[in-house]
Amino acid sequence: MKTLKDTITQITMPTPYAVGDVHTYLLKGDRLTLVDAGVRTEDAWKALVEQLNHIGYHPEDIEQVILTHHHPDHMGLVDRFPRVETIAGHPKLKPWLERDDRFFEQYEAFFKWMYKEAGVPERFDSLLKGLKKPLKWTAEGKMTHLLEEGDALPGHEEWRVIETPGHAQNHLSFFRKEDGALIGGDHLLAHISSNPLLEPAYSPNEERPKPLLQYRDSMEKLLPLDIDTVYPGHGKVFGDVHALIQTRLKKQEQRAGKVYQMFKDGPLRAYDVCERLFPKHVESQLGLTMSETVGQLDYLESINRLKTSIIEGEKFYEMNG
């Protein structure tokens, strides 16, 4: 194996979220790069600075930030590094980082339509006004470099971009063929399966994305690669990636089978299924539970187990034959 120019150092920061700590990765190569940037809290910043100091660096030494996706615990501190001129990520991350007001209006309109079609009760309407609340944990900045499938990371030619949508529409992973290292963001985690989250289409002419189907495709996309080590956004660094992916796919199919059995007594809307699937969490975590539910319904529809009909603006699913 040839000598690898880049070195990887994991930096761990606390978050205010149930998922717990988040990791960023310092890449030392032609540029000093931070992959992801934690959440916008002083506790996270203090942890980041202390760990940088421990390895002989300071925030002003960071030359660029590369983002795996737009979630607040991954780009919250991107504007705290005085020397950074390059902020790189997927094109679909741009409106999140640059706070595009029109994009957020479309985002809110999408969920208003989606929840109405799914049969979500009106008492949840207030949640739509809170869709922008997580932005308080993230940064605002200017995207300077767009990354897409097959691109090399700026200043780190050994690393290649793999588009891995599912958990987020703009999710990227970074692979180094020479030693099989994968910086995977939230695409693959050792201890839990990532949530494929509902998002609107980024173009008015596109159908809404189907994140669970994308997530399955993105996992299967990794199977031909000789991945040795995954450096994830949360949890432990791990290997044996192929076995993990096969387990994730199988468990998802098993859950879809459980959802399918709910239709024995007749048609249901997505919210009806969500209540049955998550009776203890639907009230407090509507966004997460509806994303999971719609994902399973999308999957069952894609394999022709369910068919749909629209009745008075609501979508009903039923067994297909």
Protein backbone atom coordinates (compact mmCIF):
# COMPACT_ATOMS: atom_id res chain seq x y z
CA MET A 1 0.00 0.00 0.00
CA LYS A 2 1.31 3.43 -0.85
CA THR A 3 1.87 5.97 1.90
CA LEU A 4 -1.28 7.98 2.49
CA LYS A 5 -0.77 11.70 2.47
CA ASP A 6 -3.91 12.58 4.43
CA THR A 7 -4.36 11.74 8.09
CA ILE A 8 -7.75 11.53 9.84
CA THR A 9 -8.37 12.73 13.39
CA GLN A 10 -11.77 12.33 15.03
CA ILE A 11 -13.11 15.23 17.11
CA THR A 12 -16.19 14.63 19.28
CA MET A 13 -18.65 17.28 20.49
CA PRO A 14 -21.83 17.21 22.58
CA THR A 15 -25.23 18.01 21.05
CA PRO A 16 -28.62 18.91 22.56
CA TYR A 17 -30.18 16.00 20.65
CA ALA A 18 -31.19 12.49 21.71
CA VAL A 19 -28.61 11.05 19.30
CA GLY A 20 -25.87 12.28 21.64
CA ASP A 21 -22.36 13.30 20.64
CA VAL A 22 -21.44 14.14 17.06
CA HIS A 23 -18.07 13.59 15.36
CA THR A 24 -16.21 15.81 12.96
CA TYR A 25 -12.99 14.77 11.24
CA LEU A 26 -9.83 16.77 10.78
CA LEU A 27 -8.14 15.93 7.48
CA LYS A 28 -4.50 16.89 7.33
CA GLY A 29 -3.29 16.98 3.70
CA ASP A 30 -2.62 19.74 1.19
CA ARG A 31 -5.17 21.71 3.20
CA LEU A 32 -6.21 21.51 6.83
CA THR A 33 -9.85 20.56 6.50
CA LEU A 34 -12.71 19.93 8.88
CA VAL A 35 -15.33 17.48 7.61
CA ASP A 36 -18.57 18.67 9.26
CA ALA A 37 -18.73 21.33 11.94
CA GLY A 38 -20.82 20.24 14.91
CA VAL A 39 -23.78 22.05 16.42
CA ARG A 40 -24.02 25.76 17.27
CA THR A 41 -23.57 25.66 21.05
CA GLU A 42 -20.82 26.99 23.26
CA ASP A 43 -20.31 23.52 24.74
CA ALA A 44 -19.64 22.12 21.28
CA TRP A 45 -17.28 24.98 20.41
CA LYS A 46 -15.35 24.55 23.66
CA ALA A 47 -14.96 20.80 23.03
CA LEU A 48 -13.79 21.43 19.47
CA VAL A 49 -11.22 24.05 20.47
CA GLU A 50 -9.87 21.89 23.30
CA GLN A 51 -9.43 18.86 21.05
CA LEU A 52 -7.79 20.95 18.32
CA ASN A 53 -5.39 22.38 20.90
CA HIS A 54 -4.58 18.89 22.14
CA ILE A 55 -3.26 17.93 18.70
CA GLY A 56 -1.46 21.23 18.17
CA TYR A 57 -3.99 23.27 16.20
CA HIS A 58 -6.26 26.26 16.67
CA PRO A 59 -9.51 27.31 14.97
CA GLU A 60 -7.61 29.86 12.85
CA ASP A 61 -5.55 27.00 11.36
CA ILE A 62 -8.60 25.43 9.65
CA GLU A 63 -8.53 26.28 5.95
CA GLN A 64 -11.78 24.75 4.71
CA VAL A 65 -14.94 22.97 5.84
CA ILE A 66 -16.52 20.13 3.87
CA LEU A 67 -20.08 19.15 4.82
CA THR A 68 -21.70 15.72 4.59
CA HIS A 69 -25.24 17.16 4.88
CA HIS A 70 -27.30 20.06 6.16
CA HIS A 71 -28.52 18.89 9.57
CA PRO A 72 -27.74 21.33 12.41
CA ASP A 73 -25.41 18.99 14.31
CA HIS A 74 -23.18 18.80 11.23
CA MET A 75 -22.82 22.42 10.12
CA GLY A 76 -23.53 24.53 13.19
CA LEU A 77 -20.06 26.02 13.69
CA VAL A 78 -19.07 26.46 10.05
CA ASP A 79 -18.80 30.25 10.42
CA ARG A 80 -16.47 30.23 13.46
CA PHE A 81 -13.18 29.67 11.61
CA PRO A 82 -11.57 32.97 10.57
CA ARG A 83 -9.32 31.58 7.80
CA VAL A 84 -11.92 29.41 6.09
CA GLU A 85 -12.65 30.58 2.56
CA THR A 86 -13.91 27.27 1.14
CA ILE A 87 -17.16 25.71 2.31
CA ALA A 88 -17.98 22.67 0.21
CA GLY A 89 -21.02 20.41 -0.02
CA HIS A 90 -23.73 19.08 -2.29
CA PRO A 91 -25.64 21.63 -4.43
CA LYS A 92 -28.85 20.80 -2.52
CA LEU A 93 -27.21 21.94 0.71
CA LYS A 94 -26.86 25.48 -0.61
CA PRO A 95 -30.34 26.83 0.37
CA TRP A 96 -29.92 25.50 3.91
CA LEU A 97 -26.56 27.17 4.44
CA GLU A 98 -27.53 30.40 2.70
CA ARG A 99 -30.97 30.63 4.37
CA ASP A 100 -32.98 30.93 1.16
CA ASP A 101 -36.35 32.33 2.33
CA ARG A 102 -38.19 31.14 -0.78
CA PHE A 103 -36.87 27.64 -0.23
CA PHE A 104 -38.21 27.60 3.33
CA GLU A 105 -41.61 28.85 2.15
CA GLN A 106 -41.72 25.92 -0.29
CA TYR A 107 -40.54 23.60 2.48
CA GLU A 108 -43.40 24.63 4.76
CA ALA A 109 -45.93 24.42 1.91
CA PHE A 110 -44.74 20.89 1.10
CA PHE A 111 -45.35 19.61 4.61
CA LYS A 112 -48.72 21.34 4.79
CA TRP A 113 -49.77 19.48 1.64
CA MET A 114 -48.07 16.23 2.63
CA TYR A 115 -49.65 16.08 6.09
CA LYS A 116 -53.10 16.94 4.72
CA GLU A 117 -52.83 14.15 2.14
CA ALA A 118 -51.62 11.76 4.86
CA GLY A 119 -54.60 12.48 7.13
CA VAL A 120 -52.63 14.21 9.90
CA PRO A 121 -55.13 15.87 12.29
CA GLU A 122 -55.36 19.66 12.31
CA ARG A 123 -54.09 19.81 15.91
CA PHE A 124 -50.60 19.28 14.49
CA ASP A 125 -50.79 22.37 12.25
CA SER A 126 -48.79 24.42 14.76
CA LEU A 127 -45.79 22.17 14.09
CA LEU A 128 -45.57 23.56 10.58
CA LYS A 129 -44.71 26.95 12.04
CA GLY A 130 -41.78 25.39 13.87
CA LEU A 131 -40.02 23.83 10.90
CA LYS A 132 -37.35 26.55 11.01
CA LYS A 133 -36.66 26.21 14.75
CA PRO A 134 -33.67 23.88 14.28
CA LEU A 135 -31.92 26.67 12.37
CA LYS A 136 -30.99 28.24 15.72
CA TRP A 137 -28.50 25.38 16.14
CA THR A 138 -26.86 25.92 12.77
CA ALA A 139 -24.78 28.49 10.92
CA GLU A 140 -25.44 30.77 8.00
CA GLY A 141 -22.77 31.05 5.34
CA LYS A 142 -21.89 31.02 1.68
CA MET A 143 -21.37 27.80 -0.25
CA THR A 144 -18.19 28.26 -2.28
CA HIS A 145 -17.56 24.80 -3.75
CA LEU A 146 -20.12 22.27 -5.00
CA LEU A 147 -19.42 18.56 -4.69
CA GLU A 148 -21.06 15.81 -6.74
CA GLU A 149 -20.57 12.12 -7.51
CA GLY A 150 -16.96 11.21 -8.28
CA ASP A 151 -15.44 14.59 -7.44
CA ALA A 152 -12.17 14.75 -5.52
CA LEU A 153 -12.21 16.69 -2.26
CA PRO A 154 -10.41 20.02 -2.67
CA GLY A 155 -6.86 19.63 -1.36
CA HIS A 156 -7.40 15.92 -0.74
CA GLU A 157 -7.14 14.16 -4.09
CA GLU A 158 -7.21 10.68 -2.55
CA TRP A 159 -10.79 11.17 -1.36
CA ARG A 160 -13.75 10.80 -3.74
CA VAL A 161 -17.34 11.91 -3.32
CA ILE A 162 -20.16 9.36 -3.21
CA GLU A 163 -23.68 10.76 -3.28
CA THR A 164 -25.66 8.91 -0.60
CA PRO A 165 -29.15 10.48 -0.39
CA GLY A 166 -31.71 9.05 2.02
CA HIS A 167 -31.07 10.44 5.48
CA ALA A 168 -30.90 13.82 3.72
CA GLN A 169 -31.34 14.74 0.06
CA ASN A 170 -27.92 16.41 0.06
CA HIS A 171 -26.04 13.67 1.91
CA LEU A 172 -22.49 12.88 0.77
CA SER A 173 -19.97 10.26 1.85
CA PHE A 174 -16.24 10.37 1.12
CA PHE A 175 -14.22 7.29 0.14
CA ARG A 176 -10.48 6.70 0.00
CA LYS A 177 -9.82 3.65 -2.15
CA GLU A 178 -6.20 3.23 -1.06
CA ASP A 179 -7.10 2.05 2.45
CA GLY A 180 -10.87 1.60 2.24
CA ALA A 181 -11.67 4.52 4.56
CA LEU A 182 -15.19 5.97 4.36
CA ILE A 183 -16.18 9.22 6.08
CA GLY A 184 -19.87 8.47 6.15
CA GLY A 185 -21.69 11.28 7.97
CA ASP A 186 -25.02 9.82 9.09
CA HIS A 187 -25.36 7.39 6.19
CA LEU A 188 -24.13 4.35 8.12
CA LEU A 189 -23.99 4.17 11.93
CA ALA A 190 -22.94 1.10 13.88
CA HIS A 191 -25.52 1.26 16.67
CA ILE A 192 -28.70 2.50 14.99
CA SER A 193 -30.24 2.75 11.55
CA SER A 194 -30.33 6.29 10.17
CA ASN A 195 -33.72 7.91 9.68
CA PRO A 196 -34.55 8.54 6.00
CA LEU A 197 -36.29 11.90 6.41
CA LEU A 198 -39.06 13.39 4.30
CA GLU A 199 -38.09 16.46 2.30
CA PRO A 200 -39.67 18.32 -0.59
CA ALA A 201 -38.41 18.12 -4.13
CA TYR A 202 -35.81 20.78 -4.97
CA SER A 203 -37.46 21.57 -8.29
CA PRO A 204 -41.19 22.37 -8.74
CA ASN A 205 -41.37 19.90 -11.61
CA GLU A 206 -40.06 16.91 -9.66
CA GLU A 207 -42.07 14.38 -7.68
CA ARG A 208 -41.39 14.31 -3.95
CA PRO A 209 -38.32 12.25 -3.06
CA LYS A 210 -38.84 8.81 -1.54
CA PRO A 211 -36.06 8.79 1.05
CA LEU A 212 -36.34 5.19 2.25
CA LEU A 213 -36.02 3.90 -1.33
CA GLN A 214 -33.08 6.27 -1.82
CA TYR A 215 -31.53 5.08 1.43
CA ARG A 216 -31.75 1.44 0.33
CA ASP A 217 -30.17 2.35 -3.01
CA SER A 218 -27.42 4.34 -1.28
CA MET A 219 -26.57 1.43 0.99
CA GLU A 220 -26.53 -1.04 -1.91
CA LYS A 221 -24.31 1.38 -3.81
CA LEU A 222 -21.57 0.79 -1.22
CA LEU A 223 -21.60 -3.01 -1.48
CA PRO A 224 -19.19 -3.23 -4.48
CA LEU A 225 -16.64 -1.01 -2.69
CA ASP A 226 -13.82 -2.46 -0.62
CA ILE A 227 -14.66 -0.48 2.52
CA ASP A 228 -12.45 -1.31 5.48
CA THR A 229 -13.31 1.38 8.06
CA VAL A 230 -16.27 3.73 8.45
CA TYR A 231 -15.74 7.04 10.24
CA PRO A 232 -19.35 7.94 11.16
CA GLY A 233 -21.07 11.09 12.35
CA HIS A 234 -22.20 9.37 15.56
CA GLY A 235 -21.09 6.33 17.52
CA LYS A 236 -18.03 4.16 17.14
CA VAL A 237 -15.72 3.76 14.16
CA PHE A 238 -16.45 0.35 12.65
CA GLY A 239 -15.81 -2.17 9.89
CA ASP A 240 -17.62 -5.25 8.49
CA VAL A 241 -19.72 -2.88 6.41
CA HIS A 242 -21.24 -5.41 4.03
CA ALA A 243 -22.75 -7.45 6.87
CA LEU A 244 -24.16 -4.30 8.48
CA ILE A 245 -25.79 -3.18 5.22
CA GLN A 246 -27.38 -6.60 4.68
CA THR A 247 -28.72 -6.50 8.26
CA ARG A 248 -30.14 -3.01 7.77
CA LEU A 249 -31.88 -4.00 4.53
CA LYS A 250 -33.35 -7.16 6.07
CA LYS A 251 -34.65 -5.36 9.18
CA GLN A 252 -36.30 -2.71 7.03
CA GLU A 253 -38.03 -5.40 4.96
CA GLN A 254 -39.23 -7.07 8.17
CA ARG A 255 -40.71 -3.80 9.40
CA ALA A 256 -42.40 -3.30 6.04
CA GLY A 257 -43.94 -6.76 6.46
CA LYS A 258 -45.33 -5.68 9.83
CA VAL A 259 -46.83 -2.56 8.23
CA TYR A 260 -48.35 -4.63 5.42
CA GLN A 261 -50.30 -6.73 7.92
CA MET A 262 -52.06 -3.58 9.15
CA PHE A 263 -54.05 -3.46 5.91
CA LYS A 264 -55.85 -6.77 6.46
CA ASP A 265 -58.95 -4.92 7.65
CA GLY A 266 -59.05 -2.39 4.81
CA PRO A 267 -57.58 0.90 3.53
CA LEU A 268 -55.60 3.26 5.76
CA ARG A 269 -54.02 6.69 5.44
CA ALA A 270 -50.37 7.24 6.31
CA TYR A 271 -51.27 8.86 9.64
CA ASP A 272 -53.47 5.89 10.57
CA VAL A 273 -50.48 3.62 10.03
CA CYS A 274 -48.20 5.97 11.96
CA GLU A 275 -50.47 5.84 15.01
CA ARG A 276 -50.37 2.04 14.95
CA LEU A 277 -46.63 1.84 14.31
CA PHE A 278 -45.60 4.47 16.88
CA PRO A 279 -48.40 4.74 19.48
CA LYS A 280 -46.07 6.18 22.13
CA HIS A 281 -44.15 8.63 19.94
CA VAL A 282 -46.47 9.99 17.25
CA GLU A 283 -47.59 12.92 19.40
CA SER A 284 -44.10 14.03 20.46
CA GLN A 285 -42.13 13.11 17.32
CA LEU A 286 -44.53 13.51 14.41
CA GLY A 287 -41.83 14.43 11.89
CA LEU A 288 -39.62 11.41 12.57
CA THR A 289 -42.48 8.93 12.87
CA MET A 290 -44.23 10.14 9.72
CA SER A 291 -40.96 9.96 7.77
CA GLU A 292 -40.51 6.34 8.85
CA THR A 293 -44.15 5.49 8.11
CA VAL A 294 -44.28 7.07 4.66
CA GLY A 295 -40.97 5.40 3.87
CA GLN A 296 -42.37 1.94 4.59
CA LEU A 297 -45.48 2.72 2.55
CA ASP A 298 -43.34 3.93 -0.35
CA TYR A 299 -41.40 0.66 -0.18
CA LEU A 300 -44.53 -1.52 -0.13
CA GLU A 301 -45.95 0.44 -3.04
CA SER A 302 -42.66 0.06 -4.97
CA ILE A 303 -42.83 -3.76 -4.69
CA ASN A 304 -46.54 -3.76 -5.67
CA ARG A 305 -47.84 -4.91 -2.28
CA LEU A 306 -49.95 -1.76 -1.84
CA LYS A 307 -51.97 0.42 -4.16
CA THR A 308 -53.29 3.92 -3.53
CA SER A 309 -56.32 6.08 -4.20
CA ILE A 310 -57.11 9.73 -3.46
CA ILE A 311 -60.44 10.41 -1.73
CA GLU A 312 -61.33 14.05 -0.96
CA GLY A 313 -57.67 15.08 -1.01
CA GLU A 314 -56.44 12.25 1.25
CA LYS A 315 -54.36 9.29 0.11
CA PHE A 316 -55.53 5.82 1.10
CA TYR A 317 -53.39 2.69 0.84
CA GLU A 318 -54.75 -0.82 0.52
CA MET A 319 -53.52 -4.30 -0.30
CA ASN A 320 -52.87 -4.78 -3.97
CA GLY A 321 -54.87 -7.90 -4.84
